[in-house]
Every structure is written in structure tokens, then in C-alpha cells.
Amino acid sequence: MNVNIEQVQGQNVEDVKSQIVSLERNALEMWNKGNPDGYLNLYSDDVTYFDPYFETKLEGIAKLRAYYEQVRGEINVRKYEMINPVVQILPDAAVLSYNLTSYIDTGESKWNCTEVYKKDGELWKIVHVHWSYVKP
């Protein structure tokens, strides 16, 4: 089913796409300096989170906050590339997908990322996250 959406809750779709990518970049900039607060502020209370470091998904902001507090200050990314970000728009949600290359002192790591954002009042909140490694 193809849905033609020109506006999302009164906002131009292209503006929404730009806003979603900007929110992600801002959170990523903080993360790369060891500060998870950018992401924690974006996550909904009922966020679900897949990560290759875990055998099962994390459910809820409390579990994700506990995990992020363990790595606070430990992340130091010198440079990153957000490759080919794509935002798909639904009436009250958006799906962001992109590839990420992070450059650290010991080399680089390559990731796939998919996040589902949901409009919560005036704010966009992340309700689902999925990180995976890019196959070499």
C-alpha cells in the first residue's frame, strides 16, 4: 500500500525528515563524546532496543538507562560518517535507517541502524532501536 503524505501533523514532510536526521546527528555527536543523554532524552519510556552486545532486546527506558550509565564516558569517537540516511514517513511516525562508520583510535567500526520515531505531542520520540554490525 502506497500512502502519499505531504504533511505530518501540519509539518511539511521534508521538514520532518530533516528534523529527524538532525535529532539523530545531535544525539550521535553527544554519544561520540561519551555522553548518552542525547539519546536518553529522545527515547520513549517504552522504548525497545536491539544491540549485538545483547542476546535479547532491552525493554523500557530504565533498562536502557542502566546500560548507558555503564558506558558513560567510555565512548570516544574521533570522527563518524552517517551514510545514506533515509527517513520514511507515516501519519504519526517515522522510520530512520542509515549506515554508520565510527573512527576510533584503534580503527573503525561499521554499523547498520534503524530507529522508529513516534510523534508525542510536539516532540519526536524513539520507540524502537535496532543496531547491527555491517558484514565485512
Protein backbone atom coordinates (compact mmCIF):
# COMPACT_ATOMS: atom_id res chain seq x y z
CA MET A 1 0.00 0.00 0.00
CA ASN A 2 1.43 3.34 -1.04
CA VAL A 3 0.48 6.35 1.04
CA ASN A 4 1.11 9.85 -0.23
CA ILE A 5 1.74 12.05 2.78
CA GLU A 6 2.59 15.69 2.19
CA GLN A 7 2.23 16.85 5.77
CA VAL A 8 2.69 15.24 9.17
CA GLN A 9 0.58 16.92 11.84
CA GLY A 10 0.79 20.22 9.99
CA GLN A 11 4.51 19.99 9.15
CA ASN A 12 5.94 19.62 5.67
CA VAL A 13 7.26 16.07 5.17
CA GLU A 14 10.69 17.26 4.02
CA ASP A 15 10.97 19.40 7.16
CA VAL A 16 10.07 16.37 9.29
CA LYS A 17 12.70 14.25 7.54
CA SER A 18 15.32 16.94 8.12
CA GLN A 19 14.28 17.27 11.78
CA ILE A 20 14.57 13.50 12.39
CA VAL A 21 18.07 13.37 10.86
CA SER A 22 19.08 16.43 12.87
CA LEU A 23 17.84 14.89 16.14
CA GLU A 24 19.85 11.76 15.37
CA ARG A 25 23.02 13.68 14.48
CA ASN A 26 22.81 15.74 17.67
CA ALA A 27 22.39 12.61 19.82
CA LEU A 28 25.19 10.88 17.92
CA GLU A 29 27.55 13.84 18.47
CA MET A 30 26.98 13.58 22.22
CA TRP A 31 27.30 9.77 22.19
CA ASN A 32 30.64 10.02 20.38
CA LYS A 33 31.96 12.09 23.30
CA GLY A 34 30.80 9.54 25.87
CA ASN A 35 27.53 11.26 26.76
CA PRO A 36 24.38 9.15 26.21
CA ASP A 37 21.98 11.90 27.34
CA GLY A 38 21.13 12.95 23.78
CA TYR A 39 19.72 9.52 23.09
CA LEU A 40 18.20 9.06 26.54
CA ASN A 41 16.25 12.30 26.05
CA LEU A 42 14.94 11.04 22.70
CA TYR A 43 13.79 7.61 23.89
CA SER A 44 10.19 6.99 24.89
CA ASP A 45 9.52 5.35 28.24
CA ASP A 46 8.54 2.11 26.48
CA VAL A 47 11.47 2.01 24.02
CA THR A 48 12.67 -1.37 22.75
CA TYR A 49 16.33 -1.81 21.85
CA PHE A 50 18.25 -4.45 19.90
CA ASP A 51 22.04 -4.44 20.02
CA PRO A 52 24.57 -7.12 19.02
CA TYR A 53 26.01 -6.95 22.55
CA PHE A 54 22.81 -8.48 23.98
CA GLU A 55 21.19 -11.86 23.43
CA THR A 56 17.71 -10.39 23.81
CA LYS A 57 16.18 -6.97 23.39
CA LEU A 58 16.13 -4.39 26.16
CA GLU A 59 12.66 -3.14 27.02
CA GLY A 60 11.95 0.21 28.65
CA ILE A 61 13.92 3.34 29.36
CA ALA A 62 15.03 2.13 32.82
CA LYS A 63 16.94 -0.84 31.37
CA LEU A 64 18.43 1.23 28.61
CA ARG A 65 19.46 3.96 31.05
CA ALA A 66 21.18 1.34 33.26
CA TYR A 67 23.13 0.03 30.27
CA TYR A 68 24.10 3.51 29.05
CA GLU A 69 25.31 4.53 32.50
CA GLN A 70 27.81 1.65 32.34
CA VAL A 71 29.35 3.07 29.15
CA ARG A 72 29.08 6.78 30.04
CA GLY A 73 32.46 8.40 29.44
CA GLU A 74 33.85 5.28 27.76
CA ILE A 75 32.98 6.15 24.15
CA ASN A 76 35.44 8.33 22.23
CA VAL A 77 34.79 8.54 18.51
CA ARG A 78 37.16 10.87 16.66
CA LYS A 79 35.04 11.12 13.54
CA TYR A 80 31.95 9.48 12.11
CA GLU A 81 30.05 9.21 8.86
CA MET A 82 26.27 8.87 8.76
CA ILE A 83 25.86 7.20 5.38
CA ASN A 84 22.71 7.44 3.28
CA PRO A 85 20.17 8.34 5.96
CA VAL A 86 16.63 7.59 4.79
CA VAL A 87 13.50 8.71 6.63
CA GLN A 88 10.22 7.03 5.80
CA ILE A 89 7.14 8.91 6.99
CA LEU A 90 3.85 7.57 8.33
CA PRO A 91 1.00 9.73 9.67
CA ASP A 92 2.35 9.88 13.26
CA ALA A 93 5.64 8.01 12.96
CA ALA A 94 8.91 7.99 11.04
CA VAL A 95 11.47 5.28 10.38
CA LEU A 96 15.11 6.34 10.13
CA SER A 97 17.66 3.96 8.67
CA TYR A 98 21.31 4.58 7.91
CA ASN A 99 24.78 3.11 7.93
CA LEU A 100 27.34 4.45 10.36
CA THR A 101 31.11 4.32 10.26
CA SER A 102 32.79 5.33 13.52
CA TYR A 103 36.51 6.09 13.61
CA ILE A 104 38.29 5.44 16.89
CA ASP A 105 41.98 5.30 17.81
CA THR A 106 42.16 1.56 17.13
CA GLY A 107 40.41 1.66 13.75
CA GLU A 108 36.85 1.86 12.58
CA SER A 109 33.55 0.11 13.19
CA LYS A 110 30.67 -0.13 10.75
CA TRP A 111 27.04 -0.34 11.79
CA ASN A 112 23.50 -0.56 10.45
CA CYS A 113 20.91 1.45 12.35
CA THR A 114 17.13 1.51 12.22
CA GLU A 115 15.04 3.64 14.55
CA VAL A 116 11.31 4.17 14.76
CA TYR A 117 10.27 7.64 15.88
CA LYS A 118 6.76 8.47 17.07
CA LYS A 119 5.25 11.91 17.43
CA ASP A 120 4.48 12.57 21.11
CA GLY A 121 2.77 15.94 21.34
CA GLU A 122 5.27 18.38 19.84
CA LEU A 123 8.25 16.03 20.25
CA TRP A 124 9.57 13.12 18.23
CA LYS A 125 10.46 10.18 20.48
CA ILE A 126 12.30 6.98 19.58
CA VAL A 127 10.16 3.92 20.33
CA HIS A 128 12.38 1.27 18.75
CA VAL A 129 16.12 0.95 18.00
CA HIS A 130 18.00 -1.78 16.16
CA TRP A 131 21.80 -1.74 15.80
CA SER A 132 23.72 -4.42 13.91
CA TYR A 133 27.21 -4.82 12.52
CA VAL A 134 27.86 -4.39 8.82
CA LYS A 135 29.27 -7.60 7.37
CA PRO A 136 32.81 -7.14 6.04
